Amino acid sequence: MAIKITTRGYPHVDLVEVAGRVDCATAPQLARVLQRLIGAGRCRLVVDLAECDFASVAFWKVSEEAAVQCRKFRRGDLRLSALPLRARRSGRLVGYTEVLEIFDSAVDAVGSFT
């Protein structure tokens, strides 16, 4: 299944909306989008998974790597919103939920940066 990634830039936060499946085949696309934003100095990121069907360990790895880059020199952070229950459970199993903040909605995640 294909992945659809949409970005929305706000004054202090960028929202990355993901629809479809994030697995080992599609995670590199998400990584490229996040790296493009970080490279442009946009380090306050929210990845919204409200329309995501599945998120594999590859998703967690991409998210953690981006979060580490965002946090460098206290410049920003990467936060997740509307994470599917199965993905949340798998993330908890491998310890990623301890590293990344997860919010119930994109509004809450974006608001957490203020």
C-alpha atoms as a PDB file:
ATOM      1  CA  MET A   1       0.000   0.000   0.000  1.00  0.00           C
ATOM      2  CA  ALA A   2       1.197   3.499  -0.748  1.00  0.00           C
ATOM      3  CA  ILE A   3       1.902   6.195   1.761  1.00  0.00           C
ATOM      4  CA  LYS A   4       0.697   9.777   1.483  1.00  0.00           C
ATOM      5  CA  ILE A   5       2.583  12.463   3.356  1.00  0.00           C
ATOM      6  CA  THR A   6       1.336  16.033   3.618  1.00  0.00           C
ATOM      7  CA  THR A   7       3.161  18.848   5.387  1.00  0.00           C
ATOM      8  CA  ARG A   8       1.654  22.026   6.777  1.00  0.00           C
ATOM      9  CA  GLY A   9       3.891  24.805   8.001  1.00  0.00           C
ATOM     10  CA  TYR A  10       2.736  26.970  10.862  1.00  0.00           C
ATOM     11  CA  PRO A  11       4.731  29.852  12.382  1.00  0.00           C
ATOM     12  CA  HIS A  12       6.416  27.748  15.075  1.00  0.00           C
ATOM     13  CA  VAL A  13       5.525  24.131  14.230  1.00  0.00           C
ATOM     14  CA  ASP A  14       5.358  21.908  11.156  1.00  0.00           C
ATOM     15  CA  LEU A  15       2.622  19.282  10.956  1.00  0.00           C
ATOM     16  CA  VAL A  16       3.422  16.136   8.966  1.00  0.00           C
ATOM     17  CA  GLU A  17       0.277  14.148   8.190  1.00  0.00           C
ATOM     18  CA  VAL A  18       0.775  10.499   7.259  1.00  0.00           C
ATOM     19  CA  ALA A  19      -1.871   8.330   5.570  1.00  0.00           C
ATOM     20  CA  GLY A  20      -1.470   4.661   4.672  1.00  0.00           C
ATOM     21  CA  ARG A  21       1.169   2.220   5.933  1.00  0.00           C
ATOM     22  CA  VAL A  22       4.575   3.100   7.298  1.00  0.00           C
ATOM     23  CA  ASP A  23       6.709  -0.007   6.904  1.00  0.00           C
ATOM     24  CA  CYS A  24      10.237  -0.797   5.755  1.00  0.00           C
ATOM     25  CA  ALA A  25       9.273   0.022   2.151  1.00  0.00           C
ATOM     26  CA  THR A  26       7.665   3.400   2.862  1.00  0.00           C
ATOM     27  CA  ALA A  27       9.598   4.619   5.928  1.00  0.00           C
ATOM     28  CA  PRO A  28      12.393   6.091   3.751  1.00  0.00           C
ATOM     29  CA  GLN A  29       9.829   8.461   2.190  1.00  0.00           C
ATOM     30  CA  LEU A  30       8.866   9.722   5.641  1.00  0.00           C
ATOM     31  CA  ALA A  31      12.543  10.021   6.573  1.00  0.00           C
ATOM     32  CA  ARG A  32      13.204  12.187   3.497  1.00  0.00           C
ATOM     33  CA  VAL A  33      10.330  14.538   4.366  1.00  0.00           C
ATOM     34  CA  LEU A  34      11.493  14.886   7.971  1.00  0.00           C
ATOM     35  CA  GLN A  35      15.125  15.407   6.928  1.00  0.00           C
ATOM     36  CA  ARG A  36      14.080  18.077   4.424  1.00  0.00           C
ATOM     37  CA  LEU A  37      12.245  19.982   7.176  1.00  0.00           C
ATOM     38  CA  ILE A  38      15.089  19.609   9.669  1.00  0.00           C
ATOM     39  CA  GLY A  39      17.615  20.662   7.020  1.00  0.00           C
ATOM     40  CA  ALA A  40      15.568  23.822   6.478  1.00  0.00           C
ATOM     41  CA  GLY A  41      15.818  24.622  10.192  1.00  0.00           C
ATOM     42  CA  ARG A  42      12.287  23.473  11.010  1.00  0.00           C
ATOM     43  CA  CYS A  43      12.864  21.439  14.168  1.00  0.00           C
ATOM     44  CA  ARG A  44       9.506  21.598  15.937  1.00  0.00           C
ATOM     45  CA  LEU A  45       7.659  18.754  14.255  1.00  0.00           C
ATOM     46  CA  VAL A  46       4.407  16.887  14.833  1.00  0.00           C
ATOM     47  CA  VAL A  47       3.817  13.640  12.948  1.00  0.00           C
ATOM     48  CA  ASP A  48       0.057  13.025  12.800  1.00  0.00           C
ATOM     49  CA  LEU A  49      -0.951   9.406  12.234  1.00  0.00           C
ATOM     50  CA  ALA A  50      -4.732   9.818  12.330  1.00  0.00           C
ATOM     51  CA  GLU A  51      -4.997   8.353   8.807  1.00  0.00           C
ATOM     52  CA  CYS A  52      -2.225   5.790   9.234  1.00  0.00           C
ATOM     53  CA  ASP A  53      -3.234   2.121   8.996  1.00  0.00           C
ATOM     54  CA  PHE A  54       0.012   0.570  10.212  1.00  0.00           C
ATOM     55  CA  ALA A  55       3.326   1.720  11.664  1.00  0.00           C
ATOM     56  CA  SER A  56       6.186  -0.772  11.854  1.00  0.00           C
ATOM     57  CA  VAL A  57       9.460  -0.687  13.748  1.00  0.00           C
ATOM     58  CA  ALA A  58      10.892   1.176  10.730  1.00  0.00           C
ATOM     59  CA  PHE A  59       8.521   4.059  11.589  1.00  0.00           C
ATOM     60  CA  TRP A  60       9.817   4.152  15.161  1.00  0.00           C
ATOM     61  CA  LYS A  61      13.419   4.184  13.998  1.00  0.00           C
ATOM     62  CA  VAL A  62      12.807   7.064  11.558  1.00  0.00           C
ATOM     63  CA  SER A  63      10.920   9.007  14.244  1.00  0.00           C
ATOM     64  CA  GLU A  64      13.613   8.505  16.868  1.00  0.00           C
ATOM     65  CA  GLU A  65      16.403   9.567  14.481  1.00  0.00           C
ATOM     66  CA  ALA A  66      14.489  12.719  13.527  1.00  0.00           C
ATOM     67  CA  ALA A  67      13.727  13.508  17.177  1.00  0.00           C
ATOM     68  CA  VAL A  68      17.419  13.246  18.082  1.00  0.00           C
ATOM     69  CA  GLN A  69      18.286  15.696  15.306  1.00  0.00           C
ATOM     70  CA  CYS A  70      15.507  18.077  16.365  1.00  0.00           C
ATOM     71  CA  ARG A  71      16.674  18.024  19.985  1.00  0.00           C
ATOM     72  CA  LYS A  72      20.282  18.797  19.127  1.00  0.00           C
ATOM     73  CA  PHE A  73      21.335  21.987  20.845  1.00  0.00           C
ATOM     74  CA  ARG A  74      17.807  22.280  22.358  1.00  0.00           C
ATOM     75  CA  ARG A  75      16.420  23.481  19.034  1.00  0.00           C
ATOM     76  CA  GLY A  76      13.162  21.547  19.002  1.00  0.00           C
ATOM     77  CA  ASP A  77      11.467  18.167  19.207  1.00  0.00           C
ATOM     78  CA  LEU A  78       9.409  15.658  17.274  1.00  0.00           C
ATOM     79  CA  ARG A  79       6.051  14.662  18.743  1.00  0.00           C
ATOM     80  CA  LEU A  80       3.495  12.108  17.586  1.00  0.00           C
ATOM     81  CA  SER A  81      -0.283  12.373  17.459  1.00  0.00           C
ATOM     82  CA  ALA A  82      -3.216  10.019  16.922  1.00  0.00           C
ATOM     83  CA  LEU A  83      -1.014   6.934  16.960  1.00  0.00           C
ATOM     84  CA  PRO A  84      -2.941   3.732  16.087  1.00  0.00           C
ATOM     85  CA  LEU A  85      -3.353   1.445  19.111  1.00  0.00           C
ATOM     86  CA  ARG A  86      -1.368  -1.440  17.584  1.00  0.00           C
ATOM     87  CA  ALA A  87       1.508   0.887  16.745  1.00  0.00           C
ATOM     88  CA  ARG A  88       1.424   2.361  20.236  1.00  0.00           C
ATOM     89  CA  ARG A  89       1.665  -1.131  21.705  1.00  0.00           C
ATOM     90  CA  SER A  90       4.583  -2.110  19.478  1.00  0.00           C
ATOM     91  CA  GLY A  91       6.341   1.142  20.335  1.00  0.00           C
ATOM     92  CA  ARG A  92       5.859   0.481  24.029  1.00  0.00           C
ATOM     93  CA  LEU A  93       7.300  -3.022  23.601  1.00  0.00           C
ATOM     94  CA  VAL A  94      10.564  -1.763  22.114  1.00  0.00           C
ATOM     95  CA  GLY A  95      10.802   1.288  24.393  1.00  0.00           C
ATOM     96  CA  TYR A  96      10.140   4.085  21.919  1.00  0.00           C
ATOM     97  CA  THR A  97       7.165   5.452  23.852  1.00  0.00           C
ATOM     98  CA  GLU A  98       9.638   6.416  26.586  1.00  0.00           C
ATOM     99  CA  VAL A  99      11.639   8.521  24.111  1.00  0.00           C
ATOM    100  CA  LEU A 100       8.879  10.223  22.078  1.00  0.00           C
ATOM    101  CA  GLU A 101       5.911  12.210  23.346  1.00  0.00           C
ATOM    102  CA  ILE A 102       2.561  10.926  22.067  1.00  0.00           C
ATOM    103  CA  PHE A 103      -0.648  12.967  22.016  1.00  0.00           C
ATOM    104  CA  ASP A 104      -4.230  11.963  21.275  1.00  0.00           C
ATOM    105  CA  SER A 105      -4.705  14.640  18.611  1.00  0.00           C
ATOM    106  CA  ALA A 106      -2.667  16.862  16.329  1.00  0.00           C
ATOM    107  CA  VAL A 107      -4.189  19.928  18.026  1.00  0.00           C
ATOM    108  CA  ASP A 108      -2.852  18.774  21.400  1.00  0.00           C
ATOM    109  CA  ALA A 109       0.583  17.969  19.962  1.00  0.00           C
ATOM    110  CA  VAL A 110       0.898  21.308  18.151  1.00  0.00           C
ATOM    111  CA  GLY A 111      -0.338  23.144  21.258  1.00  0.00           C
ATOM    112  CA  SER A 112       2.288  21.427  23.401  1.00  0.00           C
ATOM    113  CA  PHE A 113       5.007  23.512  21.724  1.00  0.00           C
ATOM    114  CA  THR A 114       3.674  26.810  23.077  1.00  0.00           C
END
